[in-house]
Each structure stands twice: as structure tokens, then as C-alpha cells.
Amino acid sequence: MYEKILLAADGSEHSLRAVKHAIALVKGEQAPHIDIIYVVDGEKSKSDVLHYGNTEIIQTKRKEKLTPVEEILMKEPISYEVHVKHGEPGPSIVKFANEGDYDCVVLGSRGLNQLQTMVLGSVSHKVAKRVECPVMIVK
């Protein structure tokens, strides 16, 4: 049914549940592929620079957040690629999804940034409203 999925992940519990649903959507397809997008917002980027200073350490820390997601995917016969983007998560995911040829976007209902969810509205809501393909929001 779905061969190419975009998975928005940030290492949160919701994104770990989302990866399992993304796998279920592509399982059994001829050439299943999942693109993982992790968006680093401006505030997080600034705090990372202030906290770690070193670009290599910052990149390593960001990749570590996605390690559990990748560990789940490595157990499956599914190709995947990680894309790290910078900007506001909602619009960045929407832009990436709409520029790609995805069958579905899968993301968790909540991420690591609880303040943004309360103050600005949820990323999942923004994505669901603006992405041009089907969206699965995982609780």
C-alpha cells in the first residue's frame, strides 16, 4: 500500500511508537523506504552551541537522539535515510514532505518540546493541516 514514508522523529516516546507504525505501513512492499526527518529548531540550536561549543559534539548528540529509531529500523528489511534540518519543526516537515514524493507522513502526537506544544500549537497539528499526502499521527 505504501512504499515511501516520511517519519518525523525527535527521539521522544511518541516518535518511537511512530516508527513502529511506519514499519507496519511499508512491510511487505517490494522496495520499502522510510525517510526520517529530525528538525532542530533555532532555540535548541543556540542552546546546543552554548552548552557543547564543538560542532562535532553537537552533531553526535543530535544523532544519538535518533539512535533508538535507527535500532528499530535496522531489524527490518527496510531502507532508510536520516535528514537533519534546521528551522521551525512544523513548517520544515511540511516543506520537506511536500517537496518529496511520499505516500504518507508518520509522526508522534507529541515531541520532546512540550513548551512549543503548549504555546505555539502542536507540530503534528500543523503538519496534518498542510501536508499534501496522508498523515498518520501516533499517540
C-alpha atoms as a PDB file:
ATOM      1  CA  MET A   1       0.000   0.000   0.000  1.00  0.00           C
ATOM      2  CA  TYR A   2       2.742   2.457   0.997  1.00  0.00           C
ATOM      3  CA  GLU A   3       6.317   2.208  -0.240  1.00  0.00           C
ATOM      4  CA  LYS A   4       7.803   5.577   0.674  1.00  0.00           C
ATOM      5  CA  ILE A   5       7.133   7.047   4.119  1.00  0.00           C
ATOM      6  CA  LEU A   6       8.387  10.214   5.770  1.00  0.00           C
ATOM      7  CA  LEU A   7       8.849   9.696   9.503  1.00  0.00           C
ATOM      8  CA  ALA A   8       9.239  12.813  11.641  1.00  0.00           C
ATOM      9  CA  ALA A   9      11.252  11.790  14.687  1.00  0.00           C
ATOM     10  CA  ASP A  10      12.919  13.506  17.621  1.00  0.00           C
ATOM     11  CA  GLY A  11      13.719  10.610  19.938  1.00  0.00           C
ATOM     12  CA  SER A  12      10.589  11.069  22.064  1.00  0.00           C
ATOM     13  CA  GLU A  13       8.444   8.132  23.189  1.00  0.00           C
ATOM     14  CA  HIS A  14       5.788   9.181  20.677  1.00  0.00           C
ATOM     15  CA  SER A  15       8.297   9.109  17.821  1.00  0.00           C
ATOM     16  CA  LEU A  16       9.438   5.624  18.888  1.00  0.00           C
ATOM     17  CA  ARG A  17       5.839   4.445  18.658  1.00  0.00           C
ATOM     18  CA  ALA A  18       5.511   6.232  15.305  1.00  0.00           C
ATOM     19  CA  VAL A  19       8.455   4.319  13.800  1.00  0.00           C
ATOM     20  CA  LYS A  20       6.705   1.024  14.572  1.00  0.00           C
ATOM     21  CA  HIS A  21       3.601   2.199  12.728  1.00  0.00           C
ATOM     22  CA  ALA A  22       5.688   3.438   9.806  1.00  0.00           C
ATOM     23  CA  ILE A  23       7.287  -0.004   9.543  1.00  0.00           C
ATOM     24  CA  ALA A  24       3.861  -1.655   9.584  1.00  0.00           C
ATOM     25  CA  LEU A  25       2.733   0.585   6.707  1.00  0.00           C
ATOM     26  CA  VAL A  26       5.598  -0.417   4.391  1.00  0.00           C
ATOM     27  CA  LYS A  27       6.042  -4.050   5.443  1.00  0.00           C
ATOM     28  CA  GLY A  28       5.549  -6.454   2.588  1.00  0.00           C
ATOM     29  CA  GLU A  29       6.152  -3.878  -0.136  1.00  0.00           C
ATOM     30  CA  GLN A  30       8.668  -4.542  -2.909  1.00  0.00           C
ATOM     31  CA  ALA A  31      11.062  -1.671  -2.164  1.00  0.00           C
ATOM     32  CA  PRO A  32      10.055  -0.127   1.163  1.00  0.00           C
ATOM     33  CA  HIS A  33      11.817   3.074   2.173  1.00  0.00           C
ATOM     34  CA  ILE A  34      11.489   5.385   5.150  1.00  0.00           C
ATOM     35  CA  ASP A  35      12.988   8.867   5.245  1.00  0.00           C
ATOM     36  CA  ILE A  36      13.492  10.146   8.768  1.00  0.00           C
ATOM     37  CA  ILE A  37      13.394  13.883   9.313  1.00  0.00           C
ATOM     38  CA  TYR A  38      14.688  15.450  12.515  1.00  0.00           C
ATOM     39  CA  VAL A  39      14.279  19.208  12.755  1.00  0.00           C
ATOM     40  CA  VAL A  40      16.473  21.265  15.062  1.00  0.00           C
ATOM     41  CA  ASP A  41      14.703  24.491  15.959  1.00  0.00           C
ATOM     42  CA  GLY A  42      16.566  27.773  16.438  1.00  0.00           C
ATOM     43  CA  GLU A  43      16.381  27.850  20.230  1.00  0.00           C
ATOM     44  CA  LYS A  44      17.655  24.275  20.540  1.00  0.00           C
ATOM     45  CA  SER A  45      20.432  25.037  18.098  1.00  0.00           C
ATOM     46  CA  LYS A  46      21.547  28.072  20.129  1.00  0.00           C
ATOM     47  CA  SER A  47      21.462  26.180  23.421  1.00  0.00           C
ATOM     48  CA  ASP A  48      23.457  23.305  21.885  1.00  0.00           C
ATOM     49  CA  VAL A  49      26.158  25.731  20.761  1.00  0.00           C
ATOM     50  CA  LEU A  50      26.296  27.371  24.186  1.00  0.00           C
ATOM     51  CA  HIS A  51      26.300  24.050  26.012  1.00  0.00           C
ATOM     52  CA  TYR A  52      28.671  21.995  23.848  1.00  0.00           C
ATOM     53  CA  GLY A  53      30.548  24.561  21.735  1.00  0.00           C
ATOM     54  CA  ASN A  54      32.025  21.943  19.428  1.00  0.00           C
ATOM     55  CA  THR A  55      30.153  21.242  16.157  1.00  0.00           C
ATOM     56  CA  GLU A  56      31.183  17.583  16.089  1.00  0.00           C
ATOM     57  CA  ILE A  57      29.868  17.009  19.610  1.00  0.00           C
ATOM     58  CA  ILE A  58      26.608  18.772  18.713  1.00  0.00           C
ATOM     59  CA  GLN A  59      26.116  16.587  15.630  1.00  0.00           C
ATOM     60  CA  THR A  60      26.895  13.453  17.644  1.00  0.00           C
ATOM     61  CA  LYS A  61      24.377  14.415  20.343  1.00  0.00           C
ATOM     62  CA  ARG A  62      21.692  15.018  17.722  1.00  0.00           C
ATOM     63  CA  LYS A  63      22.363  11.654  16.067  1.00  0.00           C
ATOM     64  CA  GLU A  64      22.173   9.971  19.486  1.00  0.00           C
ATOM     65  CA  LYS A  65      18.562  11.136  19.827  1.00  0.00           C
ATOM     66  CA  LEU A  66      17.685   9.122  16.739  1.00  0.00           C
ATOM     67  CA  THR A  67      19.681   6.022  17.704  1.00  0.00           C
ATOM     68  CA  PRO A  68      16.649   4.213  19.183  1.00  0.00           C
ATOM     69  CA  VAL A  69      14.677   4.896  15.986  1.00  0.00           C
ATOM     70  CA  GLU A  70      17.517   3.574  13.838  1.00  0.00           C
ATOM     71  CA  GLU A  71      17.925   0.498  16.054  1.00  0.00           C
ATOM     72  CA  ILE A  72      14.300  -0.406  15.419  1.00  0.00           C
ATOM     73  CA  LEU A  73      14.672   0.114  11.662  1.00  0.00           C
ATOM     74  CA  MET A  74      17.905  -1.888  11.428  1.00  0.00           C
ATOM     75  CA  LYS A  75      15.981  -5.004  12.467  1.00  0.00           C
ATOM     76  CA  GLU A  76      13.753  -4.701   9.390  1.00  0.00           C
ATOM     77  CA  PRO A  77      14.409  -5.222   5.659  1.00  0.00           C
ATOM     78  CA  ILE A  78      13.625  -1.562   5.012  1.00  0.00           C
ATOM     79  CA  SER A  79      15.956   1.049   3.597  1.00  0.00           C
ATOM     80  CA  TYR A  80      16.044   4.366   5.398  1.00  0.00           C
ATOM     81  CA  GLU A  81      17.823   7.685   5.349  1.00  0.00           C
ATOM     82  CA  VAL A  82      18.133  10.342   8.064  1.00  0.00           C
ATOM     83  CA  HIS A  83      17.703  14.026   7.194  1.00  0.00           C
ATOM     84  CA  VAL A  84      18.580  16.672   9.790  1.00  0.00           C
ATOM     85  CA  LYS A  85      17.052  20.050   9.038  1.00  0.00           C
ATOM     86  CA  HIS A  86      17.142  23.392  10.837  1.00  0.00           C
ATOM     87  CA  GLY A  87      14.191  25.661  11.420  1.00  0.00           C
ATOM     88  CA  GLU A  88      10.746  25.584  12.962  1.00  0.00           C
ATOM     89  CA  PRO A  89       9.677  21.902  13.084  1.00  0.00           C
ATOM     90  CA  GLY A  90       6.136  22.206  11.678  1.00  0.00           C
ATOM     91  CA  PRO A  91       6.890  24.237   8.540  1.00  0.00           C
ATOM     92  CA  SER A  92      10.184  22.388   7.953  1.00  0.00           C
ATOM     93  CA  ILE A  93       8.469  18.995   7.990  1.00  0.00           C
ATOM     94  CA  VAL A  94       5.665  20.291   5.748  1.00  0.00           C
ATOM     95  CA  LYS A  95       8.122  21.734   3.217  1.00  0.00           C
ATOM     96  CA  PHE A  96      10.225  18.557   3.147  1.00  0.00           C
ATOM     97  CA  ALA A  97       7.133  16.339   2.825  1.00  0.00           C
ATOM     98  CA  ASN A  98       5.543  18.392   0.070  1.00  0.00           C
ATOM     99  CA  GLU A  99       8.788  18.506  -1.922  1.00  0.00           C
ATOM    100  CA  GLY A 100       9.173  14.716  -1.693  1.00  0.00           C
ATOM    101  CA  ASP A 101       7.022  12.078  -3.295  1.00  0.00           C
ATOM    102  CA  TYR A 102       5.732  10.437  -0.112  1.00  0.00           C
ATOM    103  CA  ASP A 103       2.842   8.037   0.233  1.00  0.00           C
ATOM    104  CA  CYS A 104       2.338   9.029   3.872  1.00  0.00           C
ATOM    105  CA  VAL A 105       3.856  11.105   6.679  1.00  0.00           C
ATOM    106  CA  VAL A 106       4.022   9.472  10.110  1.00  0.00           C
ATOM    107  CA  LEU A 107       4.733  11.380  13.312  1.00  0.00           C
ATOM    108  CA  GLY A 108       4.054  11.252  17.008  1.00  0.00           C
ATOM    109  CA  SER A 109       1.317  13.337  18.565  1.00  0.00           C
ATOM    110  CA  ARG A 110       3.810  14.939  20.934  1.00  0.00           C
ATOM    111  CA  GLY A 111       7.539  15.520  20.761  1.00  0.00           C
ATOM    112  CA  LEU A 112      10.304  16.499  23.133  1.00  0.00           C
ATOM    113  CA  ASN A 113       9.484  20.217  23.069  1.00  0.00           C
ATOM    114  CA  GLN A 114       6.465  20.435  25.383  1.00  0.00           C
ATOM    115  CA  LEU A 115       6.664  24.244  25.658  1.00  0.00           C
ATOM    116  CA  GLN A 116       6.214  24.655  21.912  1.00  0.00           C
ATOM    117  CA  THR A 117       3.248  22.286  22.000  1.00  0.00           C
ATOM    118  CA  MET A 118       1.522  24.355  24.698  1.00  0.00           C
ATOM    119  CA  VAL A 119       2.368  27.839  23.439  1.00  0.00           C
ATOM    120  CA  LEU A 120       2.505  27.649  19.652  1.00  0.00           C
ATOM    121  CA  GLY A 121       0.246  24.697  18.884  1.00  0.00           C
ATOM    122  CA  SER A 122       1.352  21.196  18.150  1.00  0.00           C
ATOM    123  CA  VAL A 123       3.710  20.299  15.333  1.00  0.00           C
ATOM    124  CA  SER A 124       1.520  17.332  14.458  1.00  0.00           C
ATOM    125  CA  HIS A 125      -1.486  19.610  14.003  1.00  0.00           C
ATOM    126  CA  LYS A 126       0.460  21.963  11.707  1.00  0.00           C
ATOM    127  CA  VAL A 127       1.749  19.036   9.658  1.00  0.00           C
ATOM    128  CA  ALA A 128      -1.670  17.405   9.334  1.00  0.00           C
ATOM    129  CA  LYS A 129      -3.208  20.659   8.096  1.00  0.00           C
ATOM    130  CA  ARG A 130      -0.586  21.480   5.476  1.00  0.00           C
ATOM    131  CA  VAL A 131       0.956  18.275   4.116  1.00  0.00           C
ATOM    132  CA  GLU A 132      -0.433  17.210   0.738  1.00  0.00           C
ATOM    133  CA  CYS A 133      -0.297  13.435   1.335  1.00  0.00           C
ATOM    134  CA  PRO A 134      -1.980  11.300   4.024  1.00  0.00           C
ATOM    135  CA  VAL A 135      -0.719  11.860   7.583  1.00  0.00           C
ATOM    136  CA  MET A 136      -0.709   9.354  10.443  1.00  0.00           C
ATOM    137  CA  ILE A 137      -0.427  10.851  13.925  1.00  0.00           C
ATOM    138  CA  VAL A 138       0.564   8.259  16.526  1.00  0.00           C
ATOM    139  CA  LYS A 139      -0.397   8.694  20.185  1.00  0.00           C
END
